[in-house]
Structure formats: structure tokens, C-alpha cells
PDB file of N, CA and C in Angstrom:
ATOM      1  N   MET A   1      -4.287 -33.329  27.785  1.00  0.00           N
ATOM      2  CA  MET A   1      -4.751 -34.019  26.599  1.00  0.00           C
ATOM      3  C   MET A   1      -3.994 -35.357  26.526  1.00  0.00           C
ATOM      4  N   PRO A   2      -4.719 -36.441  26.337  1.00  0.00           N
ATOM      5  CA  PRO A   2      -4.062 -37.751  26.208  1.00  0.00           C
ATOM      6  C   PRO A   2      -3.136 -37.788  24.989  1.00  0.00           C
ATOM      7  N   ALA A   3      -2.121 -38.646  25.046  1.00  0.00           N
ATOM      8  CA  ALA A   3      -1.104 -38.710  23.994  1.00  0.00           C
ATOM      9  C   ALA A   3      -1.707 -38.992  22.623  1.00  0.00           C
ATOM     10  N   GLY A   4      -2.698 -39.891  22.555  1.00  0.00           N
ATOM     11  CA  GLY A   4      -3.324 -40.222  21.272  1.00  0.00           C
ATOM     12  C   GLY A   4      -4.034 -39.032  20.661  1.00  0.00           C
ATOM     13  N   GLU A   5      -4.713 -38.258  21.496  1.00  0.00           N
ATOM     14  CA  GLU A   5      -5.406 -37.072  20.994  1.00  0.00           C
ATOM     15  C   GLU A   5      -4.415 -36.002  20.545  1.00  0.00           C
ATOM     16  N   GLU A   6      -3.301 -35.914  21.253  1.00  0.00           N
ATOM     17  CA  GLU A   6      -2.283 -34.927  20.888  1.00  0.00           C
ATOM     18  C   GLU A   6      -1.683 -35.254  19.519  1.00  0.00           C
ATOM     19  N   VAL A   7      -1.463 -36.533  19.267  1.00  0.00           N
ATOM     20  CA  VAL A   7      -0.933 -36.954  17.966  1.00  0.00           C
ATOM     21  C   VAL A   7      -1.938 -36.633  16.864  1.00  0.00           C
ATOM     22  N   LEU A   8      -3.216 -36.915  17.100  1.00  0.00           N
ATOM     23  CA  LEU A   8      -4.242 -36.602  16.099  1.00  0.00           C
ATOM     24  C   LEU A   8      -4.344 -35.103  15.861  1.00  0.00           C
ATOM     25  N   TYR A   9      -4.260 -34.326  16.936  1.00  0.00           N
ATOM     26  CA  TYR A   9      -4.317 -32.870  16.805  1.00  0.00           C
ATOM     27  C   TYR A   9      -3.165 -32.386  15.918  1.00  0.00           C
ATOM     28  N   ASP A  10      -1.959 -32.863  16.187  1.00  0.00           N
ATOM     29  CA  ASP A  10      -0.796 -32.474  15.387  1.00  0.00           C
ATOM     30  C   ASP A  10      -0.962 -32.895  13.931  1.00  0.00           C
ATOM     31  N   LEU A  11      -1.500 -34.077  13.708  1.00  0.00           N
ATOM     32  CA  LEU A  11      -1.703 -34.581  12.353  1.00  0.00           C
ATOM     33  C   LEU A  11      -2.689 -33.692  11.591  1.00  0.00           C
ATOM     34  N   TYR A  12      -3.811 -33.366  12.217  1.00  0.00           N
ATOM     35  CA  TYR A  12      -4.815 -32.519  11.562  1.00  0.00           C
ATOM     36  C   TYR A  12      -4.283 -31.105  11.344  1.00  0.00           C
ATOM     37  N   ARG A  13      -3.555 -30.565  12.318  1.00  0.00           N
ATOM     38  CA  ARG A  13      -2.998 -29.220  12.179  1.00  0.00           C
ATOM     39  C   ARG A  13      -2.002 -29.181  11.025  1.00  0.00           C
ATOM     40  N   ASN A  14      -1.110 -30.148  10.966  1.00  0.00           N
ATOM     41  CA  ASN A  14      -0.120 -30.189   9.891  1.00  0.00           C
ATOM     42  C   ASN A  14      -0.776 -30.377   8.530  1.00  0.00           C
ATOM     43  N   SER A  15      -1.844 -31.168   8.487  1.00  0.00           N
ATOM     44  CA  SER A  15      -2.579 -31.352   7.226  1.00  0.00           C
ATOM     45  C   SER A  15      -3.215 -30.048   6.769  1.00  0.00           C
ATOM     46  N   ALA A  16      -3.772 -29.297   7.692  1.00  0.00           N
ATOM     47  CA  ALA A  16      -4.391 -28.020   7.347  1.00  0.00           C
ATOM     48  C   ALA A  16      -3.352 -27.028   6.829  1.00  0.00           C
ATOM     49  N   VAL A  17      -2.214 -26.975   7.495  1.00  0.00           N
ATOM     50  CA  VAL A  17      -1.151 -26.071   7.068  1.00  0.00           C
ATOM     51  C   VAL A  17      -0.661 -26.448   5.670  1.00  0.00           C
ATOM     52  N   LYS A  18      -0.445 -27.720   5.434  1.00  0.00           N
ATOM     53  CA  LYS A  18       0.027 -28.187   4.129  1.00  0.00           C
ATOM     54  C   LYS A  18      -1.007 -27.878   3.039  1.00  0.00           C
ATOM     55  N   SER A  19      -2.279 -28.009   3.369  1.00  0.00           N
ATOM     56  CA  SER A  19      -3.337 -27.713   2.414  1.00  0.00           C
ATOM     57  C   SER A  19      -3.323 -26.234   2.018  1.00  0.00           C
ATOM     58  N   VAL A  20      -3.133 -25.357   2.991  1.00  0.00           N
ATOM     59  CA  VAL A  20      -3.070 -23.924   2.702  1.00  0.00           C
ATOM     60  C   VAL A  20      -1.836 -23.611   1.863  1.00  0.00           C
ATOM     61  N   GLU A  21      -0.700 -24.211   2.198  1.00  0.00           N
ATOM     62  CA  GLU A  21       0.520 -23.993   1.417  1.00  0.00           C
ATOM     63  C   GLU A  21       0.323 -24.417  -0.031  1.00  0.00           C
ATOM     64  N   LEU A  22      -0.287 -25.555  -0.243  1.00  0.00           N
ATOM     65  CA  LEU A  22      -0.532 -26.050  -1.597  1.00  0.00           C
ATOM     66  C   LEU A  22      -1.491 -25.132  -2.346  1.00  0.00           C
ATOM     67  N   SER A  23      -2.528 -24.655  -1.664  1.00  0.00           N
ATOM     68  CA  SER A  23      -3.486 -23.739  -2.290  1.00  0.00           C
ATOM     69  C   SER A  23      -2.816 -22.440  -2.704  1.00  0.00           C
ATOM     70  N   LEU A  24      -1.960 -21.875  -1.838  1.00  0.00           N
ATOM     71  CA  LEU A  24      -1.261 -20.638  -2.175  1.00  0.00           C
ATOM     72  C   LEU A  24      -0.289 -20.837  -3.333  1.00  0.00           C
ATOM     73  N   GLU A  25       0.391 -21.955  -3.335  1.00  0.00           N
ATOM     74  CA  GLU A  25       1.329 -22.246  -4.421  1.00  0.00           C
ATOM     75  C   GLU A  25       0.588 -22.363  -5.754  1.00  0.00           C
ATOM     76  N   THR A  26      -0.525 -23.072  -5.751  1.00  0.00           N
ATOM     77  CA  THR A  26      -1.319 -23.237  -6.969  1.00  0.00           C
ATOM     78  C   THR A  26      -1.901 -21.903  -7.421  1.00  0.00           C
ATOM     79  N   ALA A  27      -2.417 -21.115  -6.483  1.00  0.00           N
ATOM     80  CA  ALA A  27      -2.971 -19.806  -6.823  1.00  0.00           C
ATOM     81  C   ALA A  27      -1.899 -18.909  -7.420  1.00  0.00           C
ATOM     82  N   GLY A  28      -0.711 -18.940  -6.851  1.00  0.00           N
ATOM     83  CA  GLY A  28       0.383 -18.128  -7.384  1.00  0.00           C
ATOM     84  C   GLY A  28       0.741 -18.514  -8.801  1.00  0.00           C
ATOM     85  N   LYS A  29       0.810 -19.802  -9.064  1.00  0.00           N
ATOM     86  CA  LYS A  29       1.135 -20.267 -10.421  1.00  0.00           C
ATOM     87  C   LYS A  29       0.060 -19.844 -11.417  1.00  0.00           C
ATOM     88  N   LEU A  30      -1.200 -19.992 -11.025  1.00  0.00           N
ATOM     89  CA  LEU A  30      -2.291 -19.619 -11.928  1.00  0.00           C
ATOM     90  C   LEU A  30      -2.345 -18.114 -12.156  1.00  0.00           C
ATOM     91  N   LEU A  31      -2.095 -17.326 -11.110  1.00  0.00           N
ATOM     92  CA  LEU A  31      -2.090 -15.871 -11.280  1.00  0.00           C
ATOM     93  C   LEU A  31      -0.940 -15.429 -12.172  1.00  0.00           C
ATOM     94  N   ARG A  32       0.226 -16.037 -12.000  1.00  0.00           N
ATOM     95  CA  ARG A  32       1.358 -15.688 -12.860  1.00  0.00           C
ATOM     96  C   ARG A  32       1.032 -16.008 -14.325  1.00  0.00           C
ATOM     97  N   LYS A  33       0.388 -17.135 -14.536  1.00  0.00           N
ATOM     98  CA  LYS A  33       0.015 -17.536 -15.902  1.00  0.00           C
ATOM     99  C   LYS A  33      -0.973 -16.531 -16.499  1.00  0.00           C
ATOM    100  N   ALA A  34      -1.954 -16.110 -15.696  1.00  0.00           N
ATOM    101  CA  ALA A  34      -2.944 -15.141 -16.175  1.00  0.00           C
ATOM    102  C   ALA A  34      -2.298 -13.783 -16.419  1.00  0.00           C
ATOM    103  N   LEU A  35      -1.353 -13.381 -15.574  1.00  0.00           N
ATOM    104  CA  LEU A  35      -0.697 -12.079 -15.747  1.00  0.00           C
ATOM    105  C   LEU A  35       0.133 -12.019 -17.024  1.00  0.00           C
ATOM    106  N   LYS A  36       0.634 -13.144 -17.460  1.00  0.00           N
ATOM    107  CA  LYS A  36       1.413 -13.169 -18.703  1.00  0.00           C
ATOM    108  C   LYS A  36       0.548 -12.759 -19.894  1.00  0.00           C
ATOM    109  N   LEU A  37      -0.748 -12.988 -19.809  1.00  0.00           N
ATOM    110  CA  LEU A  37      -1.662 -12.604 -20.883  1.00  0.00           C
ATOM    111  C   LEU A  37      -1.857 -11.093 -20.967  1.00  0.00           C
ATOM    112  N   PHE A  38      -1.553 -10.380 -19.862  1.00  0.00           N
ATOM    113  CA  PHE A  38      -1.738  -8.932 -19.836  1.00  0.00           C
ATOM    114  C   PHE A  38      -0.501  -8.186 -20.302  1.00  0.00           C
ATOM    115  N   GLY A  39       0.462  -8.890 -20.803  1.00  0.00           N
ATOM    116  CA  GLY A  39       1.654  -8.246 -21.329  1.00  0.00           C
ATOM    117  C   GLY A  39       2.821  -8.362 -20.375  1.00  0.00           C
ATOM    118  N   GLY A  40       3.918  -7.865 -20.833  1.00  0.00           N
ATOM    119  CA  GLY A  40       5.136  -7.981 -20.048  1.00  0.00           C
ATOM    120  C   GLY A  40       5.821  -9.289 -20.374  1.00  0.00           C
ATOM    121  N   SER A  41       7.083  -9.299 -20.149  1.00  0.00           N
ATOM    122  CA  SER A  41       7.839 -10.505 -20.460  1.00  0.00           C
ATOM    123  C   SER A  41       7.602 -11.557 -19.383  1.00  0.00           C
ATOM    124  N   PRO A  42       7.704 -12.820 -19.734  1.00  0.00           N
ATOM    125  CA  PRO A  42       7.554 -13.879 -18.729  1.00  0.00           C
ATOM    126  C   PRO A  42       8.537 -13.720 -17.574  1.00  0.00           C
ATOM    127  N   ARG A  43       9.714 -13.184 -17.862  1.00  0.00           N
ATOM    128  CA  ARG A  43      10.716 -12.981 -16.815  1.00  0.00           C
ATOM    129  C   ARG A  43      10.210 -11.973 -15.780  1.00  0.00           C
ATOM    130  N   GLU A  44       9.530 -10.905 -16.237  1.00  0.00           N
ATOM    131  CA  GLU A  44       8.985  -9.893 -15.324  1.00  0.00           C
ATOM    132  C   GLU A  44       7.869 -10.464 -14.460  1.00  0.00           C
ATOM    133  N   VAL A  45       7.084 -11.357 -15.022  1.00  0.00           N
ATOM    134  CA  VAL A  45       5.959 -11.935 -14.284  1.00  0.00           C
ATOM    135  C   VAL A  45       6.443 -12.990 -13.290  1.00  0.00           C
ATOM    136  N   ASP A  46       7.460 -13.747 -13.656  1.00  0.00           N
ATOM    137  CA  ASP A  46       7.947 -14.811 -12.791  1.00  0.00           C
ATOM    138  C   ASP A  46       8.835 -14.313 -11.659  1.00  0.00           C
ATOM    139  N   ALA A  47       9.403 -13.132 -11.799  1.00  0.00           N
ATOM    140  CA  ALA A  47      10.363 -12.638 -10.821  1.00  0.00           C
ATOM    141  C   ALA A  47       9.755 -12.191  -9.483  1.00  0.00           C
ATOM    142  N   PRO A  48       8.620 -11.485  -9.454  1.00  0.00           N
ATOM    143  CA  PRO A  48       8.154 -10.909  -8.189  1.00  0.00           C
ATOM    144  C   PRO A  48       7.766 -11.962  -7.148  1.00  0.00           C
ATOM    145  N   VAL A  49       7.830 -11.523  -5.911  1.00  0.00           N
ATOM    146  CA  VAL A  49       7.374 -12.375  -4.816  1.00  0.00           C
ATOM    147  C   VAL A  49       5.853 -12.434  -4.851  1.00  0.00           C
ATOM    148  N   PHE A  50       5.285 -13.338  -4.063  1.00  0.00           N
ATOM    149  CA  PHE A  50       3.842 -13.594  -4.110  1.00  0.00           C
ATOM    150  C   PHE A  50       3.023 -12.332  -3.835  1.00  0.00           C
ATOM    151  N   ASN A  51       3.455 -11.491  -2.902  1.00  0.00           N
ATOM    152  CA  ASN A  51       2.705 -10.263  -2.603  1.00  0.00           C
ATOM    153  C   ASN A  51       2.605  -9.362  -3.823  1.00  0.00           C
ATOM    154  N   ASP A  52       3.693  -9.268  -4.595  1.00  0.00           N
ATOM    155  CA  ASP A  52       3.673  -8.457  -5.805  1.00  0.00           C
ATOM    156  C   ASP A  52       2.763  -9.068  -6.866  1.00  0.00           C
ATOM    157  N   VAL A  53       2.725 -10.382  -6.930  1.00  0.00           N
ATOM    158  CA  VAL A  53       1.829 -11.055  -7.872  1.00  0.00           C
ATOM    159  C   VAL A  53       0.379 -10.732  -7.517  1.00  0.00           C
ATOM    160  N   LEU A  54       0.056 -10.771  -6.236  1.00  0.00           N
ATOM    161  CA  LEU A  54      -1.311 -10.433  -5.807  1.00  0.00           C
ATOM    162  C   LEU A  54      -1.638  -8.973  -6.136  1.00  0.00           C
ATOM    163  N   ARG A  55      -0.682  -8.092  -5.920  1.00  0.00           N
ATOM    164  CA  ARG A  55      -0.891  -6.671  -6.217  1.00  0.00           C
ATOM    165  C   ARG A  55      -1.145  -6.464  -7.710  1.00  0.00           C
ATOM    166  N   ARG A  56      -0.329  -7.089  -8.557  1.00  0.00           N
ATOM    167  CA  ARG A  56      -0.510  -6.966 -10.012  1.00  0.00           C
ATOM    168  C   ARG A  56      -1.846  -7.574 -10.458  1.00  0.00           C
ATOM    169  N   ALA A  57      -2.210  -8.690  -9.866  1.00  0.00           N
ATOM    170  CA  ALA A  57      -3.489  -9.321 -10.211  1.00  0.00           C
ATOM    171  C   ALA A  57      -4.648  -8.398  -9.846  1.00  0.00           C
ATOM    172  N   GLY A  58      -4.542  -7.714  -8.724  1.00  0.00           N
ATOM    173  CA  GLY A  58      -5.569  -6.755  -8.337  1.00  0.00           C
ATOM    174  C   GLY A  58      -5.632  -5.574  -9.281  1.00  0.00           C
ATOM    175  N   GLN A  59      -4.484  -5.106  -9.762  1.00  0.00           N
ATOM    176  CA  GLN A  59      -4.448  -3.987 -10.710  1.00  0.00           C
ATOM    177  C   GLN A  59      -5.124  -4.342 -12.026  1.00  0.00           C
ATOM    178  N   HIS A  60      -5.078  -5.600 -12.401  1.00  0.00           N
ATOM    179  CA  HIS A  60      -5.701  -6.057 -13.655  1.00  0.00           C
ATOM    180  C   HIS A  60      -7.087  -6.652 -13.425  1.00  0.00           C
ATOM    181  N   SER A  61      -7.636  -6.444 -12.243  1.00  0.00           N
ATOM    182  CA  SER A  61      -8.982  -6.918 -11.867  1.00  0.00           C
ATOM    183  C   SER A  61      -9.132  -8.427 -11.985  1.00  0.00           C
ATOM    184  N   LEU A  62      -8.052  -9.142 -11.701  1.00  0.00           N
ATOM    185  CA  LEU A  62      -8.140 -10.605 -11.683  1.00  0.00           C
ATOM    186  C   LEU A  62      -8.669 -11.125 -10.350  1.00  0.00           C
ATOM    187  N   LEU A  63      -8.643 -10.271  -9.363  1.00  0.00           N
ATOM    188  CA  LEU A  63      -9.146 -10.613  -8.030  1.00  0.00           C
ATOM    189  C   LEU A  63     -10.267  -9.680  -7.655  1.00  0.00           C
ATOM    190  N   ASP A  64     -11.194 -10.180  -6.882  1.00  0.00           N
ATOM    191  CA  ASP A  64     -12.226  -9.309  -6.340  1.00  0.00           C
ATOM    192  C   ASP A  64     -12.403  -9.649  -4.865  1.00  0.00           C
ATOM    193  N   ALA A  65     -13.188  -8.874  -4.203  1.00  0.00           N
ATOM    194  CA  ALA A  65     -13.417  -9.074  -2.776  1.00  0.00           C
ATOM    195  C   ALA A  65     -14.685  -9.901  -2.593  1.00  0.00           C
ATOM    196  N   ALA A  66     -14.693 -11.101  -3.145  1.00  0.00           N
ATOM    197  CA  ALA A  66     -15.865 -11.976  -3.051  1.00  0.00           C
ATOM    198  C   ALA A  66     -16.166 -12.266  -1.589  1.00  0.00           C
ATOM    199  N   GLY A  67     -17.384 -12.124  -1.255  1.00  0.00           N
ATOM    200  CA  GLY A  67     -17.803 -12.415   0.108  1.00  0.00           C
ATOM    201  C   GLY A  67     -17.684 -11.239   1.059  1.00  0.00           C
ATOM    202  N   SER A  68     -17.116 -10.131   0.597  1.00  0.00           N
ATOM    203  CA  SER A  68     -17.008  -8.974   1.488  1.00  0.00           C
ATOM    204  C   SER A  68     -18.297  -8.166   1.409  1.00  0.00           C
ATOM    205  N   PRO A  69     -18.658  -7.548   2.508  1.00  0.00           N
ATOM    206  CA  PRO A  69     -19.911  -6.766   2.508  1.00  0.00           C
ATOM    207  C   PRO A  69     -19.806  -5.536   1.623  1.00  0.00           C
ATOM    208  N   GLY A  70     -20.917  -5.203   1.011  1.00  0.00           N
ATOM    209  CA  GLY A  70     -20.991  -3.966   0.212  1.00  0.00           C
ATOM    210  C   GLY A  70     -20.630  -4.200  -1.149  1.00  0.00           C
TER     211      GLY A  70
END
């Protein structure tokens, strides 16, 4: 791969990764905000790692399997 194409590839790859990171960060903040409405102290909602936030959001039906078959 020529050097110019390699630089563009790296630029696009890094942009995609950064976009996903930003999307996950925003989703986490919004889910934490929504979970606070379901009770519990803000400290309990803010403490868990992202996987726990997703699990709690699923328990409260804040997430669905959009696009999945069936």
C-alpha cells in the first residue's frame, strides 16, 4: 500500500474508533440519566461500570433488540 493511502487508512480507522467511543460514552450518560428515574440514589446509578448500566437498562426495558429477527 502506498504511503499516502496508508495515512488515509489510519486516519479513517482512527476516526471510526473515536466515533464509536463517543457514541458509547453518550449512550452511557443517557442510560444513567434514564435509570435515575427508576429509583435508587444517583450514587448507585453512577457507580457501576458500563456493562452493569446496560444490564440495569435491560431490566427496566430501556433497551430492546431492535433489528433482531423474531
